[in-house]
């Protein structure tokens, strides 16, 4: 059985991460991982309606899937209980990856 071909065009991953994700180094963890994978985008804390971390990342399918796997684990001090994911076309609005 063959593996489906990955989309070579850049895509956008929009993820909302829930659990114990504030005050545990989650944003710095995401920043390092995204930069290592060559992704552009941002990570930021959300406070309303719930304390979550939002990640918007653009790049290749392979790199985005690696980032998604890392988001589901989080850093050692975090406890990820849910990751809501939306896949979108890349917009090219980001030039690097940063904490917003």
Protein backbone atom coordinates (compact mmCIF):
# COMPACT_ATOMS: atom_id res chain seq x y z
CA UNK A 1 0.00 0.00 0.00
CA UNK A 2 1.43 3.38 -0.95
CA UNK A 3 1.47 6.48 1.21
CA UNK A 4 -0.47 9.45 -0.18
CA UNK A 5 1.72 12.24 -1.52
CA UNK A 6 2.09 15.24 0.74
CA UNK A 7 0.98 18.60 -0.57
CA UNK A 8 4.16 20.46 -1.67
CA UNK A 9 2.44 23.86 -1.41
CA UNK A 10 2.65 25.71 1.91
CA UNK A 11 -0.36 25.29 4.17
CA UNK A 12 -1.57 26.86 7.39
CA UNK A 13 -2.15 25.07 10.66
CA UNK A 14 -4.41 26.90 13.12
CA UNK A 15 -4.44 25.12 16.49
CA UNK A 16 -6.00 25.87 19.87
CA UNK A 17 -4.35 23.96 22.71
CA UNK A 18 -6.19 23.42 26.00
CA UNK A 19 -5.07 22.11 29.37
CA UNK A 20 -2.32 23.33 31.68
CA UNK A 21 -0.65 25.41 28.97
CA UNK A 22 -0.13 28.82 30.62
CA UNK A 23 2.90 29.50 32.82
CA UNK A 24 4.68 26.29 31.82
CA UNK A 25 6.92 27.49 28.96
CA UNK A 26 4.49 26.37 26.26
CA UNK A 27 4.96 29.40 23.99
CA UNK A 28 8.77 29.20 24.18
CA UNK A 29 8.54 25.46 23.45
CA UNK A 30 6.42 26.11 20.35
CA UNK A 31 8.69 28.96 19.21
CA UNK A 32 11.83 26.79 19.35
CA UNK A 33 10.15 23.87 17.60
CA UNK A 34 8.61 26.01 14.84
CA UNK A 35 11.89 27.82 14.18
CA UNK A 36 13.74 24.50 14.05
CA UNK A 37 11.21 23.25 11.46
CA UNK A 38 11.50 26.42 9.34
CA UNK A 39 7.89 27.48 9.87
CA UNK A 40 6.47 30.99 9.92
CA UNK A 41 3.62 32.19 12.13
CA UNK A 42 2.95 32.99 15.77
CA UNK A 43 2.02 31.54 19.13
CA UNK A 44 0.09 33.43 21.80
CA UNK A 45 -1.86 32.95 25.00
CA UNK A 46 -5.64 33.32 24.89
CA UNK A 47 -7.61 34.11 28.02
CA UNK A 48 -11.24 34.26 26.92
CA UNK A 49 -13.42 32.24 26.76
CA UNK A 50 -10.81 29.80 28.13
CA UNK A 51 -7.11 29.79 28.93
CA UNK A 52 -5.64 28.32 25.76
CA UNK A 53 -2.61 28.71 23.53
CA UNK A 54 -3.22 29.62 19.89
CA UNK A 55 -0.74 28.56 17.22
CA UNK A 56 -0.84 29.73 13.63
CA UNK A 57 1.92 28.19 11.53
CA UNK A 58 2.64 28.06 7.81
CA UNK A 59 4.96 25.75 5.93
CA UNK A 60 5.19 22.29 4.42
CA UNK A 61 2.84 19.45 5.38
CA UNK A 62 5.75 17.48 6.82
CA UNK A 63 6.93 20.32 9.07
CA UNK A 64 3.38 21.21 10.15
CA UNK A 65 2.63 17.60 11.07
CA UNK A 66 5.83 17.46 13.14
CA UNK A 67 4.79 20.65 14.93
CA UNK A 68 1.29 19.25 15.53
CA UNK A 69 2.78 16.13 17.14
CA UNK A 70 4.84 18.39 19.43
CA UNK A 71 1.77 20.47 20.31
CA UNK A 72 -0.06 17.33 21.41
CA UNK A 73 2.80 16.53 23.83
CA UNK A 74 3.85 20.01 24.95
CA UNK A 75 6.80 20.73 27.22
CA UNK A 76 7.39 18.60 30.32
CA UNK A 77 5.52 20.95 32.70
CA UNK A 78 2.41 21.18 30.50
CA UNK A 79 -0.63 18.94 30.47
CA UNK A 80 -2.33 19.05 27.07
CA UNK A 81 -5.92 17.88 27.24
CA UNK A 82 -7.15 18.95 23.80
CA UNK A 83 -5.86 20.26 20.49
CA UNK A 84 -8.41 21.68 18.07
CA UNK A 85 -6.97 21.89 14.55
CA UNK A 86 -8.06 23.72 11.43
CA UNK A 87 -6.15 23.37 8.14
CA UNK A 88 -6.24 26.37 5.81
CA UNK A 89 -4.43 27.67 2.74
CA UNK A 90 -1.26 29.59 3.57
CA UNK A 91 -1.54 33.37 3.28
CA UNK A 92 2.16 34.27 3.41
CA UNK A 93 1.48 37.02 5.94
CA UNK A 94 4.32 35.97 8.28
CA UNK A 95 8.06 36.40 7.61
CA UNK A 96 9.23 34.46 10.67
CA UNK A 97 7.81 32.71 13.73
CA UNK A 98 7.33 34.69 16.92
CA UNK A 99 5.45 35.01 20.18
CA UNK A 100 2.50 37.35 19.78
